[in-house]
Every structure is written in C-alpha cells, then in structure tokens.
All heavy atoms as atom14 arrays in JSON, in Angstrom:
{
  "sequence": "TLFIGTKGKMMAGTYGLNPRLLPTSKTAEIKVKEK",
  "atom14_mask": [
    [1, 1, 1, 1, 1, 1, 1, 0, 0, 0, 0, 0, 0, 0],
    [1, 1, 1, 1, 1, 1, 1, 1, 0, 0, 0, 0, 0, 0],
    [1, 1, 1, 1, 1, 1, 1, 1, 1, 1, 1, 0, 0, 0],
    [1, 1, 1, 1, 1, 1, 1, 1, 0, 0, 0, 0, 0, 0],
    [1, 1, 1, 1, 0, 0, 0, 0, 0, 0, 0, 0, 0, 0],
    [1, 1, 1, 1, 1, 1, 1, 0, 0, 0, 0, 0, 0, 0],
    [1, 1, 1, 1, 1, 1, 1, 1, 1, 0, 0, 0, 0, 0],
    [1, 1, 1, 1, 0, 0, 0, 0, 0, 0, 0, 0, 0, 0],
    [1, 1, 1, 1, 1, 1, 1, 1, 1, 0, 0, 0, 0, 0],
    [1, 1, 1, 1, 1, 1, 1, 1, 0, 0, 0, 0, 0, 0],
    [1, 1, 1, 1, 1, 1, 1, 1, 0, 0, 0, 0, 0, 0],
    [1, 1, 1, 1, 1, 0, 0, 0, 0, 0, 0, 0, 0, 0],
    [1, 1, 1, 1, 0, 0, 0, 0, 0, 0, 0, 0, 0, 0],
    [1, 1, 1, 1, 1, 1, 1, 0, 0, 0, 0, 0, 0, 0],
    [1, 1, 1, 1, 1, 1, 1, 1, 1, 1, 1, 1, 0, 0],
    [1, 1, 1, 1, 0, 0, 0, 0, 0, 0, 0, 0, 0, 0],
    [1, 1, 1, 1, 1, 1, 1, 1, 0, 0, 0, 0, 0, 0],
    [1, 1, 1, 1, 1, 1, 1, 1, 0, 0, 0, 0, 0, 0],
    [1, 1, 1, 1, 1, 1, 1, 0, 0, 0, 0, 0, 0, 0],
    [1, 1, 1, 1, 1, 1, 1, 1, 1, 1, 1, 0, 0, 0],
    [1, 1, 1, 1, 1, 1, 1, 1, 0, 0, 0, 0, 0, 0],
    [1, 1, 1, 1, 1, 1, 1, 1, 0, 0, 0, 0, 0, 0],
    [1, 1, 1, 1, 1, 1, 1, 0, 0, 0, 0, 0, 0, 0],
    [1, 1, 1, 1, 1, 1, 1, 0, 0, 0, 0, 0, 0, 0],
    [1, 1, 1, 1, 1, 1, 0, 0, 0, 0, 0, 0, 0, 0],
    [1, 1, 1, 1, 1, 1, 1, 1, 1, 0, 0, 0, 0, 0],
    [1, 1, 1, 1, 1, 1, 1, 0, 0, 0, 0, 0, 0, 0],
    [1, 1, 1, 1, 1, 0, 0, 0, 0, 0, 0, 0, 0, 0],
    [1, 1, 1, 1, 1, 1, 1, 1, 1, 0, 0, 0, 0, 0],
    [1, 1, 1, 1, 1, 1, 1, 1, 0, 0, 0, 0, 0, 0],
    [1, 1, 1, 1, 1, 1, 1, 1, 1, 0, 0, 0, 0, 0],
    [1, 1, 1, 1, 1, 1, 1, 0, 0, 0, 0, 0, 0, 0],
    [1, 1, 1, 1, 1, 1, 1, 1, 1, 0, 0, 0, 0, 0],
    [1, 1, 1, 1, 1, 1, 1, 1, 1, 0, 0, 0, 0, 0],
    [1, 1, 1, 1, 1, 1, 1, 1, 1, 0, 0, 0, 0, 0]
  ],
  "atom14_positions": [
    [[2.6, 34.9, -19.34], [1.11, 34.84, -19.44], [0.69, 36.28, -19.61], [1.11, 37.13, -18.85], [0.5, 34.25, -18.23], [1.02, 32.94, -17.95], [-1.07, 34.18, -18.34], [0.0, 0.0, 0.0], [0.0, 0.0, 0.0], [0.0, 0.0, 0.0], [0.0, 0.0, 0.0], [0.0, 0.0, 0.0], [0.0, 0.0, 0.0], [0.0, 0.0, 0.0]],
    [[-0.13, 36.52, -20.67], [-0.66, 37.85, -21.01], [-2.17, 37.89, -20.94], [-2.78, 37.09, -21.59], [-0.15, 38.27, -22.38], [-0.69, 39.58, -22.93], [-0.17, 40.75, -22.19], [-0.35, 39.66, -24.48], [0.0, 0.0, 0.0], [0.0, 0.0, 0.0], [0.0, 0.0, 0.0], [0.0, 0.0, 0.0], [0.0, 0.0, 0.0], [0.0, 0.0, 0.0]],
    [[-2.68, 38.86, -20.16], [-4.12, 39.07, -20.1], [-4.48, 40.29, -20.95], [-3.87, 41.34, -20.8], [-4.58, 39.35, -18.65], [-4.35, 38.19, -17.73], [-3.12, 37.84, -17.21], [-5.49, 37.48, -17.31], [-2.94, 36.86, -16.33], [-5.36, 36.41, -16.41], [-4.04, 36.05, -15.88], [0.0, 0.0, 0.0], [0.0, 0.0, 0.0], [0.0, 0.0, 0.0]],
    [[-5.47, 40.14, -21.8], [-5.93, 41.33, -22.6], [-7.36, 41.61, -22.29], [-8.33, 40.79, -22.48], [-5.84, 40.98, -24.16], [-4.41, 40.63, -24.51], [-6.35, 42.08, -25.0], [-4.23, 40.23, -25.93], [0.0, 0.0, 0.0], [0.0, 0.0, 0.0], [0.0, 0.0, 0.0], [0.0, 0.0, 0.0], [0.0, 0.0, 0.0], [0.0, 0.0, 0.0]],
    [[-7.56, 42.8, -21.72], [-8.89, 43.3, -21.29], [-9.37, 44.44, -22.15], [-8.66, 44.93, -23.02], [0.0, 0.0, 0.0], [0.0, 0.0, 0.0], [0.0, 0.0, 0.0], [0.0, 0.0, 0.0], [0.0, 0.0, 0.0], [0.0, 0.0, 0.0], [0.0, 0.0, 0.0], [0.0, 0.0, 0.0], [0.0, 0.0, 0.0], [0.0, 0.0, 0.0]],
    [[-10.59, 44.85, -21.91], [-11.22, 45.9, -22.64], [-10.61, 47.32, -22.29], [-10.77, 48.23, -23.08], [-12.76, 45.96, -22.39], [-12.95, 46.04, -20.96], [-13.4, 44.73, -22.95], [0.0, 0.0, 0.0], [0.0, 0.0, 0.0], [0.0, 0.0, 0.0], [0.0, 0.0, 0.0], [0.0, 0.0, 0.0], [0.0, 0.0, 0.0], [0.0, 0.0, 0.0]],
    [[-9.95, 47.41, -21.23], [-9.35, 48.67, -20.78], [-7.8, 48.65, -20.71], [-7.2, 49.65, -20.41], [-9.97, 49.14, -19.46], [-11.42, 49.5, -19.55], [-12.02, 49.64, -18.16], [-11.3, 50.75, -17.3], [-11.94, 50.85, -15.96], [0.0, 0.0, 0.0], [0.0, 0.0, 0.0], [0.0, 0.0, 0.0], [0.0, 0.0, 0.0], [0.0, 0.0, 0.0]],
    [[-7.16, 47.46, -20.79], [-5.78, 47.38, -20.6], [-5.29, 45.94, -20.62], [-5.99, 45.05, -20.94], [0.0, 0.0, 0.0], [0.0, 0.0, 0.0], [0.0, 0.0, 0.0], [0.0, 0.0, 0.0], [0.0, 0.0, 0.0], [0.0, 0.0, 0.0], [0.0, 0.0, 0.0], [0.0, 0.0, 0.0], [0.0, 0.0, 0.0], [0.0, 0.0, 0.0]],
    [[-3.99, 45.79, -20.24], [-3.38, 44.49, -20.3], [-2.42, 44.32, -19.04], [-2.05, 45.31, -18.43], [-2.48, 44.31, -21.55], [-3.33, 44.44, -22.87], [-2.36, 44.51, -24.06], [-3.19, 44.84, -25.37], [-2.33, 44.92, -26.49], [0.0, 0.0, 0.0], [0.0, 0.0, 0.0], [0.0, 0.0, 0.0], [0.0, 0.0, 0.0], [0.0, 0.0, 0.0]],
    [[-2.19, 43.12, -18.73], [-1.21, 42.81, -17.68], [-0.61, 41.43, -17.95], [-1.11, 40.6, -18.75], [-1.88, 42.75, -16.32], [-2.9, 41.66, -16.05], [-3.69, 41.76, -14.42], [-4.88, 40.4, -14.48], [0.0, 0.0, 0.0], [0.0, 0.0, 0.0], [0.0, 0.0, 0.0], [0.0, 0.0, 0.0], [0.0, 0.0, 0.0], [0.0, 0.0, 0.0]],
    [[0.63, 41.26, -17.42], [1.42, 40.05, -17.82], [2.18, 39.6, -16.58], [2.42, 40.36, -15.61], [2.32, 40.26, -19.01], [3.46, 41.2, -18.71], [4.62, 41.32, -20.19], [5.96, 42.39, -19.37], [0.0, 0.0, 0.0], [0.0, 0.0, 0.0], [0.0, 0.0, 0.0], [0.0, 0.0, 0.0], [0.0, 0.0, 0.0], [0.0, 0.0, 0.0]],
    [[2.74, 38.34, -16.69], [3.61, 37.86, -15.63], [4.47, 36.77, -16.25], [4.2, 36.26, -17.39], [2.75, 37.24, -14.57], [0.0, 0.0, 0.0], [0.0, 0.0, 0.0], [0.0, 0.0, 0.0], [0.0, 0.0, 0.0], [0.0, 0.0, 0.0], [0.0, 0.0, 0.0], [0.0, 0.0, 0.0], [0.0, 0.0, 0.0], [0.0, 0.0, 0.0]],
    [[5.59, 36.36, -15.57], [6.42, 35.32, -16.03], [5.98, 33.9, -15.5], [4.86, 33.81, -14.97], [0.0, 0.0, 0.0], [0.0, 0.0, 0.0], [0.0, 0.0, 0.0], [0.0, 0.0, 0.0], [0.0, 0.0, 0.0], [0.0, 0.0, 0.0], [0.0, 0.0, 0.0], [0.0, 0.0, 0.0], [0.0, 0.0, 0.0], [0.0, 0.0, 0.0]],
    [[6.86, 32.98, -15.56], [6.63, 31.69, -14.96], [6.2, 31.76, -13.55], [6.78, 32.58, -12.82], [7.81, 30.75, -15.13], [8.41, 30.93, -16.52], [7.52, 29.37, -14.93], [0.0, 0.0, 0.0], [0.0, 0.0, 0.0], [0.0, 0.0, 0.0], [0.0, 0.0, 0.0], [0.0, 0.0, 0.0], [0.0, 0.0, 0.0], [0.0, 0.0, 0.0]],
    [[5.35, 30.82, -13.11], [4.85, 30.83, -11.73], [4.16, 32.03, -11.29], [4.05, 32.27, -10.06], [6.05, 30.6, -10.78], [6.98, 29.44, -11.22], [8.31, 29.69, -11.43], [6.53, 28.13, -11.31], [9.18, 28.67, -11.83], [7.38, 27.14, -11.74], [8.73, 27.36, -11.98], [9.56, 26.39, -12.4], [0.0, 0.0, 0.0], [0.0, 0.0, 0.0]],
    [[3.71, 32.94, -12.2], [3.04, 34.14, -11.83], [4.01, 35.21, -11.34], [3.58, 36.19, -10.69], [0.0, 0.0, 0.0], [0.0, 0.0, 0.0], [0.0, 0.0, 0.0], [0.0, 0.0, 0.0], [0.0, 0.0, 0.0], [0.0, 0.0, 0.0], [0.0, 0.0, 0.0], [0.0, 0.0, 0.0], [0.0, 0.0, 0.0], [0.0, 0.0, 0.0]],
    [[5.34, 34.99, -11.59], [6.28, 35.97, -11.0], [6.32, 37.3, -11.78], [6.04, 37.3, -12.94], [7.69, 35.34, -11.07], [7.93, 34.2, -10.03], [9.27, 33.49, -10.35], [7.94, 34.66, -8.65], [0.0, 0.0, 0.0], [0.0, 0.0, 0.0], [0.0, 0.0, 0.0], [0.0, 0.0, 0.0], [0.0, 0.0, 0.0], [0.0, 0.0, 0.0]],
    [[6.72, 38.33, -11.05], [6.91, 39.59, -11.66], [5.7, 40.11, -12.47], [5.8, 40.46, -13.64], [8.12, 39.65, -12.64], [8.63, 40.98, -12.96], [8.28, 42.01, -12.32], [9.32, 41.1, -14.06], [0.0, 0.0, 0.0], [0.0, 0.0, 0.0], [0.0, 0.0, 0.0], [0.0, 0.0, 0.0], [0.0, 0.0, 0.0], [0.0, 0.0, 0.0]],
    [[4.56, 40.18, -11.86], [3.31, 40.66, -12.52], [3.47, 42.14, -12.82], [4.02, 42.88, -11.92], [2.19, 40.45, -11.49], [2.89, 40.47, -10.21], [4.3, 39.86, -10.4], [0.0, 0.0, 0.0], [0.0, 0.0, 0.0], [0.0, 0.0, 0.0], [0.0, 0.0, 0.0], [0.0, 0.0, 0.0], [0.0, 0.0, 0.0], [0.0, 0.0, 0.0]],
    [[3.04, 42.58, -14.0], [3.12, 43.93, -14.43], [1.93, 44.44, -15.25], [1.44, 43.62, -16.08], [4.34, 44.17, -15.26], [5.72, 44.2, -14.53], [6.93, 44.08, -15.45], [7.04, 42.68, -15.9], [7.93, 42.3, -16.82], [8.7, 43.19, -17.41], [7.95, 41.07, -17.24], [0.0, 0.0, 0.0], [0.0, 0.0, 0.0], [0.0, 0.0, 0.0]],
    [[1.46, 45.58, -14.94], [0.47, 46.19, -15.79], [1.2, 46.82, -16.96], [2.45, 47.18, -16.88], [-0.21, 47.38, -15.0], [-1.07, 46.92, -13.8], [-1.38, 48.07, -12.86], [-2.4, 46.25, -14.3], [0.0, 0.0, 0.0], [0.0, 0.0, 0.0], [0.0, 0.0, 0.0], [0.0, 0.0, 0.0], [0.0, 0.0, 0.0], [0.0, 0.0, 0.0]],
    [[0.5, 46.95, -18.03], [1.09, 47.56, -19.32], [0.37, 48.81, -19.65], [-0.87, 48.93, -19.65], [1.0, 46.6, -20.46], [1.72, 45.25, -20.29], [1.51, 44.37, -21.54], [3.19, 45.44, -19.99], [0.0, 0.0, 0.0], [0.0, 0.0, 0.0], [0.0, 0.0, 0.0], [0.0, 0.0, 0.0], [0.0, 0.0, 0.0], [0.0, 0.0, 0.0]],
    [[1.19, 49.87, -20.04], [2.62, 49.89, -19.94], [3.15, 49.72, -18.55], [2.51, 50.0, -17.57], [2.9, 51.28, -20.5], [1.76, 52.1, -20.24], [0.53, 51.17, -20.34], [0.0, 0.0, 0.0], [0.0, 0.0, 0.0], [0.0, 0.0, 0.0], [0.0, 0.0, 0.0], [0.0, 0.0, 0.0], [0.0, 0.0, 0.0], [0.0, 0.0, 0.0]],
    [[4.38, 49.21, -18.45], [4.93, 48.71, -17.16], [5.06, 49.91, -16.13], [5.19, 49.65, -14.98], [6.29, 48.07, -17.38], [7.22, 48.99, -18.02], [6.18, 46.78, -18.15], [0.0, 0.0, 0.0], [0.0, 0.0, 0.0], [0.0, 0.0, 0.0], [0.0, 0.0, 0.0], [0.0, 0.0, 0.0], [0.0, 0.0, 0.0], [0.0, 0.0, 0.0]],
    [[5.06, 51.15, -16.6], [5.16, 52.27, -15.69], [3.97, 52.28, -14.77], [4.04, 52.78, -13.62], [5.23, 53.58, -16.46], [4.15, 53.7, -17.34], [0.0, 0.0, 0.0], [0.0, 0.0, 0.0], [0.0, 0.0, 0.0], [0.0, 0.0, 0.0], [0.0, 0.0, 0.0], [0.0, 0.0, 0.0], [0.0, 0.0, 0.0], [0.0, 0.0, 0.0]],
    [[2.81, 51.72, -15.18], [1.66, 51.74, -14.34], [1.85, 50.9, -13.07], [1.18, 51.11, -12.09], [0.41, 51.23, -15.11], [-0.09, 52.13, -16.17], [-1.39, 51.47, -16.73], [-2.02, 52.49, -17.78], [-3.29, 51.86, -18.33], [0.0, 0.0, 0.0], [0.0, 0.0, 0.0], [0.0, 0.0, 0.0], [0.0, 0.0, 0.0], [0.0, 0.0, 0.0]],
    [[2.68, 49.88, -13.17], [2.81, 48.95, -12.09], [3.15, 49.62, -10.76], [2.71, 49.33, -9.73], [3.91, 47.89, -12.43], [3.53, 47.29, -13.72], [3.93, 46.74, -11.37], [0.0, 0.0, 0.0], [0.0, 0.0, 0.0], [0.0, 0.0, 0.0], [0.0, 0.0, 0.0], [0.0, 0.0, 0.0], [0.0, 0.0, 0.0], [0.0, 0.0, 0.0]],
    [[4.1, 50.59, -10.87], [4.54, 51.28, -9.6], [3.62, 52.42, -9.32], [3.51, 52.86, -8.2], [5.97, 51.84, -9.87], [0.0, 0.0, 0.0], [0.0, 0.0, 0.0], [0.0, 0.0, 0.0], [0.0, 0.0, 0.0], [0.0, 0.0, 0.0], [0.0, 0.0, 0.0], [0.0, 0.0, 0.0], [0.0, 0.0, 0.0], [0.0, 0.0, 0.0]],
    [[2.96, 53.02, -10.38], [2.06, 54.14, -10.15], [0.76, 53.83, -9.5], [0.23, 54.67, -8.68], [1.84, 54.83, -11.46], [3.07, 55.33, -12.11], [2.84, 55.82, -13.6], [1.66, 55.68, -13.99], [3.72, 56.37, -14.21], [0.0, 0.0, 0.0], [0.0, 0.0, 0.0], [0.0, 0.0, 0.0], [0.0, 0.0, 0.0], [0.0, 0.0, 0.0]],
    [[0.21, 52.66, -9.78], [-1.12, 52.33, -9.4], [-1.1, 51.38, -8.11], [-0.43, 50.37, -8.23], [-1.99, 51.68, -10.5], [-2.12, 52.71, -11.64], [-3.34, 51.24, -9.96], [-2.84, 52.08, -12.86], [0.0, 0.0, 0.0], [0.0, 0.0, 0.0], [0.0, 0.0, 0.0], [0.0, 0.0, 0.0], [0.0, 0.0, 0.0], [0.0, 0.0, 0.0]],
    [[-1.78, 51.72, -7.12], [-1.89, 50.93, -5.95], [-3.37, 50.47, -5.76], [-4.21, 51.36, -5.8], [-1.41, 51.7, -4.66], [0.03, 52.12, -4.84], [1.0, 51.02, -4.95], [2.49, 51.52, -5.03], [3.49, 50.43, -5.22], [0.0, 0.0, 0.0], [0.0, 0.0, 0.0], [0.0, 0.0, 0.0], [0.0, 0.0, 0.0], [0.0, 0.0, 0.0]],
    [[-3.56, 49.2, -5.41], [-4.89, 48.77, -4.96], [-4.76, 48.1, -3.65], [-3.71, 47.6, -3.18], [-5.53, 47.81, -6.03], [-5.65, 48.41, -7.35], [-4.58, 46.53, -6.16], [0.0, 0.0, 0.0], [0.0, 0.0, 0.0], [0.0, 0.0, 0.0], [0.0, 0.0, 0.0], [0.0, 0.0, 0.0], [0.0, 0.0, 0.0], [0.0, 0.0, 0.0]],
    [[-5.93, 47.99, -2.97], [-5.95, 47.46, -1.63], [-5.71, 45.94, -1.68], [-6.23, 45.18, -2.53], [-7.3, 47.76, -0.92], [-7.43, 47.24, 0.47], [-8.75, 47.58, 1.08], [-8.84, 47.05, 2.52], [-10.21, 47.4, 3.09], [0.0, 0.0, 0.0], [0.0, 0.0, 0.0], [0.0, 0.0, 0.0], [0.0, 0.0, 0.0], [0.0, 0.0, 0.0]],
    [[-4.89, 45.41, -0.77], [-4.69, 43.97, -0.76], [-5.86, 43.32, -0.09], [-6.33, 43.63, 0.93], [-3.45, 43.74, 0.19], [-3.01, 42.26, 0.22], [-1.8, 42.0, 1.0], [-0.73, 42.63, 0.69], [-1.81, 41.17, 1.97], [0.0, 0.0, 0.0], [0.0, 0.0, 0.0], [0.0, 0.0, 0.0], [0.0, 0.0, 0.0], [0.0, 0.0, 0.0]],
    [[-6.45, 42.28, -0.84], [-7.66, 41.69, -0.4], [-7.47, 40.12, -0.24], [-8.31, 39.43, 0.25], [-8.83, 41.99, -1.3], [-8.63, 41.59, -2.76], [-9.81, 42.09, -3.6], [-11.04, 41.21, -3.47], [-12.05, 41.52, -4.44], [0.0, 0.0, 0.0], [0.0, 0.0, 0.0], [0.0, 0.0, 0.0], [0.0, 0.0, 0.0], [0.0, 0.0, 0.0]]
  ]
}
C-alpha cells in the first residue's frame, strides 16, 4: 500500500507491516510521539 501526499510518501506491506517513509532513510531518522 502506497500513500502519495503533497509533501512526501509512505508505504507498507501486507497487513500494514513494515511501514516506511520514503526515502526509507527517513523512517529511522524521524520520530513522532505515539498517540
């Protein structure tokens, strides 16, 4: 599943597993508060 937004993209595999921001390097670099 691929989401395309006005500022970036994110994707995941089946069952929403392994979600990643694109480019994938952002996934580990960016942290947001768990809500």
